[in-house]
PDB file of N, CA and C in Angstrom:
ATOM      1  N   UNK A   1      98.859  11.534-159.877  1.00  0.00           N
ATOM      2  CA  UNK A   1      97.865  11.408-160.261  1.00  0.00           C
ATOM      3  C   UNK A   1      97.329  12.921-161.137  1.00  0.00           C
ATOM      4  N   UNK A   2      97.323  13.667-160.681  1.00  0.00           N
ATOM      5  CA  UNK A   2      96.904  15.245-160.636  1.00  0.00           C
ATOM      6  C   UNK A   2      97.828  15.163-161.904  1.00  0.00           C
ATOM      7  N   UNK A   3      98.630  15.398-161.526  1.00  0.00           N
ATOM      8  CA  UNK A   3     100.029  15.267-163.002  1.00  0.00           C
ATOM      9  C   UNK A   3      99.727  15.125-164.255  1.00  0.00           C
ATOM     10  N   UNK A   4      99.370  13.396-163.901  1.00  0.00           N
ATOM     11  CA  UNK A   4      98.510  13.484-164.994  1.00  0.00           C
ATOM     12  C   UNK A   4      97.780  13.080-165.501  1.00  0.00           C
ATOM     13  N   UNK A   5      96.928  14.051-164.866  1.00  0.00           N
ATOM     14  CA  UNK A   5      95.401  13.888-164.772  1.00  0.00           C
ATOM     15  C   UNK A   5      94.474  11.845-165.520  1.00  0.00           C
ATOM     16  N   UNK A   6      94.826  11.619-164.132  1.00  0.00           N
ATOM     17  CA  UNK A   6      94.485  10.118-164.050  1.00  0.00           C
ATOM     18  C   UNK A   6      93.940  10.262-163.056  1.00  0.00           C
ATOM     19  N   UNK A   7      92.450   9.776-163.128  1.00  0.00           N
ATOM     20  CA  UNK A   7      90.983   9.689-161.623  1.00  0.00           C
ATOM     21  C   UNK A   7      91.800   8.448-161.165  1.00  0.00           C
ATOM     22  N   UNK A   8      90.873   7.815-160.159  1.00  0.00           N
ATOM     23  CA  UNK A   8      90.620   7.017-159.236  1.00  0.00           C
ATOM     24  C   UNK A   8      89.859   5.565-159.889  1.00  0.00           C
ATOM     25  N   UNK A   9      88.753   6.516-160.645  1.00  0.00           N
ATOM     26  CA  UNK A   9      88.423   5.653-161.488  1.00  0.00           C
ATOM     27  C   UNK A   9      88.763   4.561-162.799  1.00  0.00           C
ATOM     28  N   UNK A  10      89.922   5.509-163.422  1.00  0.00           N
ATOM     29  CA  UNK A  10      90.976   4.654-164.614  1.00  0.00           C
ATOM     30  C   UNK A  10      91.727   3.898-164.033  1.00  0.00           C
ATOM     31  N   UNK A  11      92.407   4.484-162.611  1.00  0.00           N
ATOM     32  CA  UNK A  11      93.355   3.465-162.552  1.00  0.00           C
ATOM     33  C   UNK A  11      92.119   2.148-162.005  1.00  0.00           C
ATOM     34  N   UNK A  12      91.049   1.955-161.468  1.00  0.00           N
ATOM     35  CA  UNK A  12      89.910   0.511-160.935  1.00  0.00           C
ATOM     36  C   UNK A  12      90.547   0.231-162.727  1.00  0.00           C
ATOM     37  N   UNK A  13      89.532   0.773-163.638  1.00  0.00           N
ATOM     38  CA  UNK A  13      89.531   0.628-164.902  1.00  0.00           C
ATOM     39  C   UNK A  13      91.109  -0.070-164.927  1.00  0.00           C
ATOM     40  N   UNK A  14      92.438  -0.049-164.723  1.00  0.00           N
ATOM     41  CA  UNK A  14      93.869  -0.447-165.500  1.00  0.00           C
ATOM     42  C   UNK A  14      93.811  -1.532-164.800  1.00  0.00           C
ATOM     43  N   UNK A  15      92.986  -2.297-163.756  1.00  0.00           N
ATOM     44  CA  UNK A  15      93.088  -3.110-162.811  1.00  0.00           C
ATOM     45  C   UNK A  15      94.571  -2.791-161.504  1.00  0.00           C
ATOM     46  N   UNK A  16      94.155  -1.882-160.907  1.00  0.00           N
ATOM     47  CA  UNK A  16      94.037  -1.485-159.475  1.00  0.00           C
ATOM     48  C   UNK A  16      92.506  -1.464-158.903  1.00  0.00           C
ATOM     49  N   UNK A  17      92.849  -2.351-157.185  1.00  0.00           N
ATOM     50  CA  UNK A  17      91.787  -2.370-156.947  1.00  0.00           C
ATOM     51  C   UNK A  17      91.513  -1.309-155.955  1.00  0.00           C
ATOM     52  N   UNK A  18      89.801  -1.539-155.660  1.00  0.00           N
ATOM     53  CA  UNK A  18      89.459  -0.414-154.616  1.00  0.00           C
ATOM     54  C   UNK A  18      90.572  -0.468-152.955  1.00  0.00           C
ATOM     55  N   UNK A  19      90.995  -1.769-152.231  1.00  0.00           N
ATOM     56  CA  UNK A  19      91.771  -1.694-151.743  1.00  0.00           C
ATOM     57  C   UNK A  19      93.150  -1.395-151.383  1.00  0.00           C
ATOM     58  N   UNK A  20      93.704  -1.877-152.808  1.00  0.00           N
ATOM     59  CA  UNK A  20      94.736  -1.382-153.142  1.00  0.00           C
ATOM     60  C   UNK A  20      95.151   0.462-153.087  1.00  0.00           C
ATOM     61  N   UNK A  21      94.147   0.991-153.432  1.00  0.00           N
ATOM     62  CA  UNK A  21      94.424   2.386-153.624  1.00  0.00           C
ATOM     63  C   UNK A  21      94.025   2.874-152.211  1.00  0.00           C
ATOM     64  N   UNK A  22      93.191   1.933-151.721  1.00  0.00           N
ATOM     65  CA  UNK A  22      93.146   2.589-149.731  1.00  0.00           C
ATOM     66  C   UNK A  22      94.738   2.591-148.704  1.00  0.00           C
ATOM     67  N   UNK A  23      94.941   1.552-149.579  1.00  0.00           N
ATOM     68  CA  UNK A  23      95.980   0.978-148.748  1.00  0.00           C
ATOM     69  C   UNK A  23      97.410   2.168-149.211  1.00  0.00           C
ATOM     70  N   UNK A  24      97.869   3.144-150.905  1.00  0.00           N
ATOM     71  CA  UNK A  24      98.205   3.642-151.132  1.00  0.00           C
ATOM     72  C   UNK A  24      97.922   4.937-150.420  1.00  0.00           C
ATOM     73  N   UNK A  25      96.880   5.115-149.729  1.00  0.00           N
ATOM     74  CA  UNK A  25      95.970   6.420-149.655  1.00  0.00           C
ATOM     75  C   UNK A  25      96.692   6.244-147.969  1.00  0.00           C
ATOM     76  N   UNK A  26      96.845   5.390-147.367  1.00  0.00           N
ATOM     77  CA  UNK A  26      97.776   5.246-146.275  1.00  0.00           C
ATOM     78  C   UNK A  26      98.372   4.895-145.867  1.00  0.00           C
ATOM     79  N   UNK A  27      99.914   5.114-146.901  1.00  0.00           N
ATOM     80  CA  UNK A  27     101.298   4.975-146.745  1.00  0.00           C
ATOM     81  C   UNK A  27     101.357   3.081-146.684  1.00  0.00           C
ATOM     82  N   UNK A  28     100.242   2.129-146.608  1.00  0.00           N
ATOM     83  CA  UNK A  28     100.797   0.708-147.069  1.00  0.00           C
ATOM     84  C   UNK A  28     101.515   0.087-147.811  1.00  0.00           C
ATOM     85  N   UNK A  29     101.607  -0.956-147.527  1.00  0.00           N
ATOM     86  CA  UNK A  29     102.395  -1.685-148.206  1.00  0.00           C
ATOM     87  C   UNK A  29     101.685  -2.384-150.147  1.00  0.00           C
ATOM     88  N   UNK A  30     102.499  -2.670-150.813  1.00  0.00           N
ATOM     89  CA  UNK A  30     102.086  -2.859-151.977  1.00  0.00           C
ATOM     90  C   UNK A  30     103.296  -3.537-152.540  1.00  0.00           C
ATOM     91  N   UNK A  31     102.449  -4.378-153.790  1.00  0.00           N
ATOM     92  CA  UNK A  31     103.051  -5.551-154.278  1.00  0.00           C
ATOM     93  C   UNK A  31     103.893  -5.066-155.628  1.00  0.00           C
ATOM     94  N   UNK A  32     104.673  -5.726-155.598  1.00  0.00           N
ATOM     95  CA  UNK A  32     105.885  -5.177-156.997  1.00  0.00           C
ATOM     96  C   UNK A  32     105.097  -5.072-157.897  1.00  0.00           C
ATOM     97  N   UNK A  33     103.803  -6.532-158.190  1.00  0.00           N
ATOM     98  CA  UNK A  33     102.818  -6.342-159.402  1.00  0.00           C
ATOM     99  C   UNK A  33     102.533  -5.281-159.778  1.00  0.00           C
ATOM    100  N   UNK A  34     101.754  -4.750-158.727  1.00  0.00           N
ATOM    101  CA  UNK A  34     100.702  -3.849-158.099  1.00  0.00           C
ATOM    102  C   UNK A  34     101.851  -2.696-158.515  1.00  0.00           C
ATOM    103  N   UNK A  35     103.212  -1.953-158.151  1.00  0.00           N
ATOM    104  CA  UNK A  35     103.898  -1.099-158.686  1.00  0.00           C
ATOM    105  C   UNK A  35     104.214  -0.985-160.334  1.00  0.00           C
ATOM    106  N   UNK A  36     104.514  -2.231-160.724  1.00  0.00           N
ATOM    107  CA  UNK A  36     104.471  -1.831-162.318  1.00  0.00           C
ATOM    108  C   UNK A  36     103.088  -1.809-163.490  1.00  0.00           C
ATOM    109  N   UNK A  37     101.872  -2.163-162.656  1.00  0.00           N
ATOM    110  CA  UNK A  37     100.801  -1.696-162.488  1.00  0.00           C
ATOM    111  C   UNK A  37     100.515   0.106-162.896  1.00  0.00           C
ATOM    112  N   UNK A  38     101.155   1.158-161.663  1.00  0.00           N
ATOM    113  CA  UNK A  38     100.928   2.227-161.784  1.00  0.00           C
ATOM    114  C   UNK A  38     101.926   3.144-162.627  1.00  0.00           C
ATOM    115  N   UNK A  39     102.956   2.026-162.814  1.00  0.00           N
ATOM    116  CA  UNK A  39     104.121   2.702-163.391  1.00  0.00           C
ATOM    117  C   UNK A  39     103.371   3.150-164.738  1.00  0.00           C
ATOM    118  N   UNK A  40     102.440   1.413-164.944  1.00  0.00           N
ATOM    119  CA  UNK A  40     102.206   1.399-166.681  1.00  0.00           C
ATOM    120  C   UNK A  40     101.351   2.301-166.669  1.00  0.00           C
ATOM    121  N   UNK A  41     100.156   2.682-165.925  1.00  0.00           N
ATOM    122  CA  UNK A  41      99.231   3.126-166.195  1.00  0.00           C
ATOM    123  C   UNK A  41      99.818   4.962-165.841  1.00  0.00           C
ATOM    124  N   UNK A  42     100.823   5.183-164.859  1.00  0.00           N
ATOM    125  CA  UNK A  42     101.022   6.563-164.799  1.00  0.00           C
ATOM    126  C   UNK A  42     101.912   7.111-165.742  1.00  0.00           C
ATOM    127  N   UNK A  43     102.805   6.208-166.155  1.00  0.00           N
ATOM    128  CA  UNK A  43     103.198   6.383-167.188  1.00  0.00           C
ATOM    129  C   UNK A  43     105.358   6.774-166.227  1.00  0.00           C
ATOM    130  N   UNK A  44     105.478   6.560-165.802  1.00  0.00           N
ATOM    131  CA  UNK A  44     106.285   6.566-164.547  1.00  0.00           C
ATOM    132  C   UNK A  44     107.215   6.035-164.050  1.00  0.00           C
ATOM    133  N   UNK A  45     108.425   6.398-163.503  1.00  0.00           N
ATOM    134  CA  UNK A  45     108.981   4.482-162.619  1.00  0.00           C
ATOM    135  C   UNK A  45     109.105   5.315-161.571  1.00  0.00           C
ATOM    136  N   UNK A  46     109.008   3.589-160.838  1.00  0.00           N
ATOM    137  CA  UNK A  46     108.923   3.104-159.355  1.00  0.00           C
ATOM    138  C   UNK A  46     109.087   4.230-158.409  1.00  0.00           C
ATOM    139  N   UNK A  47     110.631   5.028-159.082  1.00  0.00           N
ATOM    140  CA  UNK A  47     110.506   5.460-158.024  1.00  0.00           C
ATOM    141  C   UNK A  47     110.399   7.336-157.280  1.00  0.00           C
ATOM    142  N   UNK A  48     109.262   7.566-158.530  1.00  0.00           N
ATOM    143  CA  UNK A  48     108.073   8.881-158.786  1.00  0.00           C
ATOM    144  C   UNK A  48     107.157   8.289-157.742  1.00  0.00           C
ATOM    145  N   UNK A  49     107.018   6.613-157.142  1.00  0.00           N
ATOM    146  CA  UNK A  49     105.539   6.675-156.849  1.00  0.00           C
ATOM    147  C   UNK A  49     105.925   5.899-155.163  1.00  0.00           C
ATOM    148  N   UNK A  50     107.054   5.793-155.839  1.00  0.00           N
ATOM    149  CA  UNK A  50     107.966   4.628-153.319  1.00  0.00           C
ATOM    150  C   UNK A  50     108.722   5.966-153.546  1.00  0.00           C
ATOM    151  N   UNK A  51     109.370   5.878-151.630  1.00  0.00           N
ATOM    152  CA  UNK A  51     110.365   6.081-151.322  1.00  0.00           C
ATOM    153  C   UNK A  51     110.437   5.448-150.080  1.00  0.00           C
ATOM    154  N   UNK A  52     112.138   4.871-150.657  1.00  0.00           N
ATOM    155  CA  UNK A  52     112.761   4.067-149.051  1.00  0.00           C
ATOM    156  C   UNK A  52     113.041   4.605-148.426  1.00  0.00           C
ATOM    157  N   UNK A  53     112.563   3.504-146.981  1.00  0.00           N
ATOM    158  CA  UNK A  53     113.394   4.678-145.493  1.00  0.00           C
ATOM    159  C   UNK A  53     114.472   3.737-145.143  1.00  0.00           C
ATOM    160  N   UNK A  54     115.537   4.265-145.063  1.00  0.00           N
ATOM    161  CA  UNK A  54     116.361   3.609-144.188  1.00  0.00           C
ATOM    162  C   UNK A  54     116.748   3.284-142.918  1.00  0.00           C
ATOM    163  N   UNK A  55     116.656   2.645-142.242  1.00  0.00           N
ATOM    164  CA  UNK A  55     115.775   2.774-140.393  1.00  0.00           C
ATOM    165  C   UNK A  55     118.182   2.895-140.418  1.00  0.00           C
ATOM    166  N   UNK A  56     118.678   3.167-139.287  1.00  0.00           N
ATOM    167  CA  UNK A  56     118.930   3.306-138.358  1.00  0.00           C
ATOM    168  C   UNK A  56     119.957   3.110-137.192  1.00  0.00           C
ATOM    169  N   UNK A  57     120.426   1.743-136.544  1.00  0.00           N
ATOM    170  CA  UNK A  57     119.812   1.337-135.904  1.00  0.00           C
ATOM    171  C   UNK A  57     120.967   1.646-133.985  1.00  0.00           C
TER     172      UNK A  57
END
């Protein structure tokens, strides 16, 4: 958000609600629809937002 100079307010206006933003701050789960909205608002790719961790057994 800082690199793109987008505020939390702008994300809310773009359709991302406060609960979702709180989840993101706490590394919680989000839906693919939310990921798509964020990518559109931030003009980025999903891998710029999400990091996948592979668990080894």
